[in-house]
């Protein structure tokens, strides 16, 4: 673990993100166009639910989402290697198939972990809801069609509480495993136990570093999202015209992930990775 401070992580992420942007300016233009048009394609491929509806209609959307994530994973992987490995060296440019598939699998593995945790967290809520419905059905036939006001208020509140619990647990687990993503990007192996040991006691530091590093993009994203919401509510054609082929929020999300998220992950790896670096494949 290097003696790197919180401020050095944040400033280093901003500096390296700007350095990577200047290193490949054409990539920034291509990324903006790709993110803008991909949101339009996602909306175009999303099927409506008018009868007869089939789940198979989501197949094109699922294929495009998978390809989209595969392409963007390569961008993020290269940005991490740019920061951690020597700039312009032969180690930065080529990405082996094994390293890429580990990185891509790690990405979807994190998604799967979050889904499993949220499903497990929501399981008691589902059980309570089913039990309440059975109790109302046994009480009276009209109670099921017209449940009491208390039940209509309590069920969403309890559901939201269990949802927040699942989200908090997912955030904790993924933050503790975040160094694994960076380690795999530079050619390392899946060393979950070592990553878990390196991040022990550093959850709030890692999370707050990522949050502060992403504040510029978060502020811009909030402003653009508010603008889009106002445009839709007011029905202003001149403003809505900008959203015809996608949304600016998607572009900001892509830029934030590539030019701030990836460098920040690299600096956190420099600060906290210790055991996981042992036997790093280069």
Protein backbone atom coordinates (compact mmCIF):
# COMPACT_ATOMS: atom_id res chain seq x y z
CA UNK A 1 0.00 0.00 0.00
CA UNK A 2 1.51 3.32 -1.06
CA UNK A 3 1.34 6.37 1.20
CA UNK A 4 -1.15 8.26 -0.93
CA UNK A 5 -3.61 10.67 0.67
CA UNK A 6 -7.29 11.15 -0.06
CA UNK A 7 -6.63 14.45 -1.83
CA UNK A 8 -3.90 12.94 -3.99
CA UNK A 9 -6.32 10.23 -5.17
CA UNK A 10 -8.96 12.77 -6.19
CA UNK A 11 -6.55 15.22 -7.83
CA UNK A 12 -4.65 12.37 -9.48
CA UNK A 13 -7.87 11.01 -10.97
CA UNK A 14 -8.79 14.43 -12.38
CA UNK A 15 -5.27 14.99 -13.73
CA UNK A 16 -4.97 11.55 -15.35
CA UNK A 17 -8.47 11.77 -16.78
CA UNK A 18 -7.52 15.04 -18.50
CA UNK A 19 -4.21 13.51 -19.60
CA UNK A 20 -5.99 10.53 -21.14
CA UNK A 21 -8.43 12.86 -22.89
CA UNK A 22 -5.52 14.75 -24.48
CA UNK A 23 -3.73 11.49 -25.28
CA UNK A 24 -6.58 10.29 -27.52
CA UNK A 25 -8.86 13.22 -28.43
CA UNK A 26 -10.42 11.29 -31.31
CA UNK A 27 -11.64 8.68 -28.83
CA UNK A 28 -13.55 11.36 -26.91
CA UNK A 29 -15.43 12.40 -30.07
CA UNK A 30 -16.15 8.79 -31.00
CA UNK A 31 -17.32 8.04 -27.45
CA UNK A 32 -19.69 11.01 -27.43
CA UNK A 33 -21.24 9.97 -30.75
CA UNK A 34 -21.43 6.34 -29.70
CA UNK A 35 -23.08 7.09 -26.34
CA UNK A 36 -25.52 9.51 -27.97
CA UNK A 37 -26.61 7.10 -30.70
CA UNK A 38 -26.62 3.99 -28.50
CA UNK A 39 -29.33 5.51 -26.30
CA UNK A 40 -31.43 6.06 -29.42
CA UNK A 41 -30.87 2.46 -30.54
CA UNK A 42 -31.82 1.16 -27.11
CA UNK A 43 -35.12 3.05 -27.27
CA UNK A 44 -35.72 1.84 -30.83
CA UNK A 45 -35.06 -1.80 -29.92
CA UNK A 46 -37.18 -1.73 -26.76
CA UNK A 47 -40.44 -3.52 -27.68
CA UNK A 48 -43.86 -2.27 -26.72
CA UNK A 49 -46.16 -4.37 -24.58
CA UNK A 50 -49.20 -4.39 -26.79
CA UNK A 51 -50.73 -7.87 -27.21
CA UNK A 52 -49.65 -10.36 -28.32
CA UNK A 53 -46.50 -9.79 -26.24
CA UNK A 54 -43.59 -12.24 -26.14
CA UNK A 55 -40.45 -12.16 -24.01
CA UNK A 56 -38.55 -13.13 -27.17
CA UNK A 57 -39.13 -9.57 -28.37
CA UNK A 58 -36.45 -8.48 -25.89
CA UNK A 59 -33.78 -10.64 -27.59
CA UNK A 60 -32.47 -7.87 -29.94
CA UNK A 61 -32.35 -5.43 -27.04
CA UNK A 62 -30.45 -7.92 -24.89
CA UNK A 63 -27.92 -8.66 -27.66
CA UNK A 64 -27.27 -4.97 -28.25
CA UNK A 65 -26.89 -4.29 -24.52
CA UNK A 66 -24.36 -7.12 -24.27
CA UNK A 67 -22.34 -5.85 -27.24
CA UNK A 68 -22.53 -2.30 -25.89
CA UNK A 69 -21.14 -3.35 -22.52
CA UNK A 70 -18.40 -5.40 -24.21
CA UNK A 71 -17.20 -2.42 -26.26
CA UNK A 72 -17.30 0.01 -23.35
CA UNK A 73 -15.48 -2.47 -21.08
CA UNK A 74 -12.56 -2.39 -23.52
CA UNK A 75 -12.46 1.43 -23.33
CA UNK A 76 -12.44 1.42 -19.52
CA UNK A 77 -9.84 -1.33 -19.40
CA UNK A 78 -7.49 0.64 -21.66
CA UNK A 79 -7.95 3.81 -19.57
CA UNK A 80 -7.00 1.93 -16.38
CA UNK A 81 -3.92 0.47 -18.06
CA UNK A 82 -2.99 3.94 -19.32
CA UNK A 83 -2.87 5.25 -15.75
CA UNK A 84 -1.26 2.30 -13.97
CA UNK A 85 1.17 1.11 -16.62
CA UNK A 86 3.81 3.22 -18.26
CA UNK A 87 2.20 5.64 -20.72
CA UNK A 88 2.91 4.74 -24.32
CA UNK A 89 4.72 1.52 -23.43
CA UNK A 90 4.04 -1.80 -25.09
CA UNK A 91 2.38 -2.97 -21.88
CA UNK A 92 -0.33 -0.33 -22.18
CA UNK A 93 -1.54 -0.99 -25.70
CA UNK A 94 -2.09 -4.73 -26.24
CA UNK A 95 -4.82 -6.38 -24.22
CA UNK A 96 -4.70 -10.16 -24.07
CA UNK A 97 -7.89 -12.11 -24.65
CA UNK A 98 -7.62 -13.76 -21.25
CA UNK A 99 -7.30 -10.42 -19.43
CA UNK A 100 -10.18 -8.93 -21.39
CA UNK A 101 -12.54 -11.85 -20.74
CA UNK A 102 -11.62 -11.78 -17.07
CA UNK A 103 -12.39 -8.06 -16.96
CA UNK A 104 -15.66 -8.46 -18.87
CA UNK A 105 -16.68 -11.43 -16.72
CA UNK A 106 -15.80 -9.48 -13.60
CA UNK A 107 -18.06 -6.64 -14.76
CA UNK A 108 -21.08 -8.88 -15.22
CA UNK A 109 -20.15 -10.80 -12.09
CA UNK A 110 -20.55 -7.59 -10.10
CA UNK A 111 -23.95 -7.03 -11.72
CA UNK A 112 -25.00 -10.57 -10.82
CA UNK A 113 -23.81 -10.13 -7.23
CA UNK A 114 -25.85 -6.93 -6.88
CA UNK A 115 -28.95 -8.64 -8.30
CA UNK A 116 -28.62 -11.65 -5.99
CA UNK A 117 -28.16 -9.43 -2.92
CA UNK A 118 -31.16 -7.28 -3.82
CA UNK A 119 -33.32 -10.36 -4.47
CA UNK A 120 -32.31 -11.89 -1.11
CA UNK A 121 -33.02 -8.59 0.64
CA UNK A 122 -36.44 -8.32 -0.98
CA UNK A 123 -37.38 -11.95 -0.22
CA UNK A 124 -38.75 -11.18 3.29
CA UNK A 125 -40.81 -8.32 1.85
CA UNK A 126 -42.30 -10.62 -0.79
CA UNK A 127 -43.08 -13.20 1.89
CA UNK A 128 -44.75 -10.58 4.08
CA UNK A 129 -46.80 -9.27 1.15
CA UNK A 130 -48.00 -12.76 0.21
CA UNK A 131 -48.83 -13.51 3.85
CA UNK A 132 -50.79 -10.26 4.12
CA UNK A 133 -52.74 -11.04 0.95
CA UNK A 134 -53.59 -14.52 2.26
CA UNK A 135 -54.71 -13.04 5.58
CA UNK A 136 -56.89 -10.45 3.83
CA UNK A 137 -58.40 -13.13 1.58
CA UNK A 138 -59.32 -15.22 4.60
CA UNK A 139 -60.71 -12.20 6.47
CA UNK A 140 -63.21 -11.22 3.80
CA UNK A 141 -63.54 -11.25 0.02
CA UNK A 142 -63.86 -7.47 -0.19
CA UNK A 143 -60.74 -6.86 1.93
CA UNK A 144 -58.52 -8.27 -0.81
CA UNK A 145 -60.04 -5.99 -3.47
CA UNK A 146 -60.12 -2.99 -1.14
CA UNK A 147 -57.36 -3.39 1.48
CA UNK A 148 -57.27 -1.09 4.50
CA UNK A 149 -55.54 2.28 4.21
CA UNK A 150 -52.91 1.16 6.70
CA UNK A 151 -51.95 -1.78 4.48
CA UNK A 152 -51.77 0.38 1.34
CA UNK A 153 -49.39 2.75 3.12
CA UNK A 154 -47.37 0.16 5.02
CA UNK A 155 -46.62 -2.17 2.08
CA UNK A 156 -44.76 0.45 -0.08
CA UNK A 157 -42.89 1.79 2.98
CA UNK A 158 -41.72 -1.68 3.99
CA UNK A 159 -40.80 -2.46 0.38
CA UNK A 160 -38.74 0.71 0.11
CA UNK A 161 -36.99 -0.10 3.40
CA UNK A 162 -36.00 -3.59 2.23
CA UNK A 163 -34.92 -2.12 -1.13
CA UNK A 164 -32.65 0.39 0.63
CA UNK A 165 -31.17 -2.39 2.74
CA UNK A 166 -30.43 -4.44 -0.38
CA UNK A 167 -28.90 -1.43 -2.12
CA UNK A 168 -26.72 -0.60 0.89
CA UNK A 169 -25.42 -4.17 1.17
CA UNK A 170 -24.73 -4.28 -2.58
CA UNK A 171 -22.85 -0.97 -2.38
CA UNK A 172 -20.74 -2.27 0.51
CA UNK A 173 -19.84 -5.56 -1.17
CA UNK A 174 -19.06 -4.03 -4.59
CA UNK A 175 -16.96 -1.28 -3.00
CA UNK A 176 -14.95 -3.87 -1.08
CA UNK A 177 -14.40 -5.80 -4.33
CA UNK A 178 -13.70 -2.74 -6.49
CA UNK A 179 -9.93 -3.28 -6.53
CA UNK A 180 -10.49 -6.63 -8.25
CA UNK A 181 -11.76 -4.88 -11.37
CA UNK A 182 -8.62 -2.75 -11.61
CA UNK A 183 -6.32 -5.67 -10.81
CA UNK A 184 -7.77 -7.77 -13.63
CA UNK A 185 -7.52 -4.85 -16.06
CA UNK A 186 -3.73 -4.75 -15.77
CA UNK A 187 -3.33 -8.50 -16.22
CA UNK A 188 -3.90 -9.84 -12.72
CA UNK A 189 -5.82 -12.92 -11.70
CA UNK A 190 -9.10 -13.14 -9.80
CA UNK A 191 -7.88 -12.90 -6.19
CA UNK A 192 -11.07 -12.16 -4.29
CA UNK A 193 -9.70 -13.02 -0.84
CA UNK A 194 -6.70 -10.72 -1.23
CA UNK A 195 -8.87 -7.85 -2.49
CA UNK A 196 -11.24 -8.30 0.44
CA UNK A 197 -8.28 -8.15 2.82
CA UNK A 198 -6.81 -5.03 1.17
CA UNK A 199 -10.08 -3.09 1.45
CA UNK A 200 -10.87 -4.10 5.04
CA UNK A 201 -11.63 -0.95 7.03
CA UNK A 202 -11.43 1.30 3.95
CA UNK A 203 -15.02 1.21 2.69
CA UNK A 204 -15.86 4.83 3.51
CA UNK A 205 -12.53 6.08 2.21
CA UNK A 206 -12.95 4.27 -1.12
CA UNK A 207 -16.58 5.32 -1.50
CA UNK A 208 -15.96 8.97 -0.60
CA UNK A 209 -12.96 9.15 -2.95
CA UNK A 210 -15.04 7.84 -5.84
CA UNK A 211 -17.88 10.22 -4.95
CA UNK A 212 -15.69 13.31 -4.72
CA UNK A 213 -13.77 12.46 -7.90
CA UNK A 214 -17.07 12.18 -9.78
CA UNK A 215 -18.60 15.40 -8.40
CA UNK A 216 -17.94 17.49 -11.57
CA UNK A 217 -19.75 14.96 -13.76
CA UNK A 218 -22.47 14.47 -11.14
CA UNK A 219 -23.15 18.21 -11.04
CA UNK A 220 -23.29 18.42 -14.83
CA UNK A 221 -25.48 15.29 -15.01
CA UNK A 222 -27.94 16.75 -12.46
CA UNK A 223 -28.18 20.02 -14.40
CA UNK A 224 -28.76 18.24 -17.71
CA UNK A 225 -31.30 15.84 -16.16
CA UNK A 226 -33.22 18.81 -14.70
CA UNK A 227 -33.14 20.50 -18.11
CA UNK A 228 -34.48 17.36 -19.82
CA UNK A 229 -37.26 17.01 -17.24
CA UNK A 230 -38.25 20.66 -17.70
CA UNK A 231 -38.23 20.25 -21.47
CA UNK A 232 -40.56 17.25 -21.31
CA UNK A 233 -42.96 18.89 -18.86
CA UNK A 234 -43.11 22.20 -20.69
CA UNK A 235 -43.31 20.54 -24.10
CA UNK A 236 -40.72 22.89 -25.59
CA UNK A 237 -40.01 21.64 -29.10
CA UNK A 238 -36.72 23.52 -29.40
CA UNK A 239 -35.39 21.83 -26.26
CA UNK A 240 -36.81 18.39 -27.01
CA UNK A 241 -35.16 18.46 -30.44
CA UNK A 242 -31.78 17.91 -28.77
CA UNK A 243 -33.01 14.59 -27.37
CA UNK A 244 -34.17 13.17 -30.71
CA UNK A 245 -31.16 10.88 -31.13
CA UNK A 246 -30.41 10.10 -27.50
CA UNK A 247 -29.97 11.89 -24.23
CA UNK A 248 -27.02 14.04 -23.08
CA UNK A 249 -27.11 12.29 -19.71
CA UNK A 250 -25.93 9.08 -21.40
CA UNK A 251 -22.97 10.96 -22.89
CA UNK A 252 -22.07 12.43 -19.49
CA UNK A 253 -22.32 8.99 -17.85
CA UNK A 254 -19.97 7.50 -20.45
CA UNK A 255 -17.48 10.36 -20.10
CA UNK A 256 -17.60 10.18 -16.31
CA UNK A 257 -16.98 6.42 -16.29
CA UNK A 258 -14.08 6.61 -18.73
CA UNK A 259 -12.30 9.85 -17.81
CA UNK A 260 -12.97 10.00 -14.06
CA UNK A 261 -14.16 6.57 -12.91
CA UNK A 262 -11.33 4.58 -14.49
CA UNK A 263 -8.50 6.92 -13.33
CA UNK A 264 -10.00 7.06 -9.83
CA UNK A 265 -10.06 3.26 -9.68
CA UNK A 266 -6.41 3.23 -10.71
CA UNK A 267 -5.43 5.66 -7.94
CA UNK A 268 -7.39 3.70 -5.34
CA UNK A 269 -5.52 0.61 -6.49
CA UNK A 270 -2.23 2.42 -5.96
CA UNK A 271 -3.31 3.47 -2.48
CA UNK A 272 -4.83 0.26 -1.09
CA UNK A 273 -3.65 -2.71 -3.17
CA UNK A 274 -1.11 -4.69 -1.22
CA UNK A 275 -1.79 -8.41 -0.91
CA UNK A 276 -3.49 -8.55 -4.30
CA UNK A 277 -0.32 -7.31 -6.02
CA UNK A 278 1.61 -10.41 -4.98
CA UNK A 279 2.37 -12.50 -8.05
CA UNK A 280 0.81 -9.98 -10.44
CA UNK A 281 0.99 -11.30 -14.01
CA UNK A 282 2.55 -8.81 -16.40
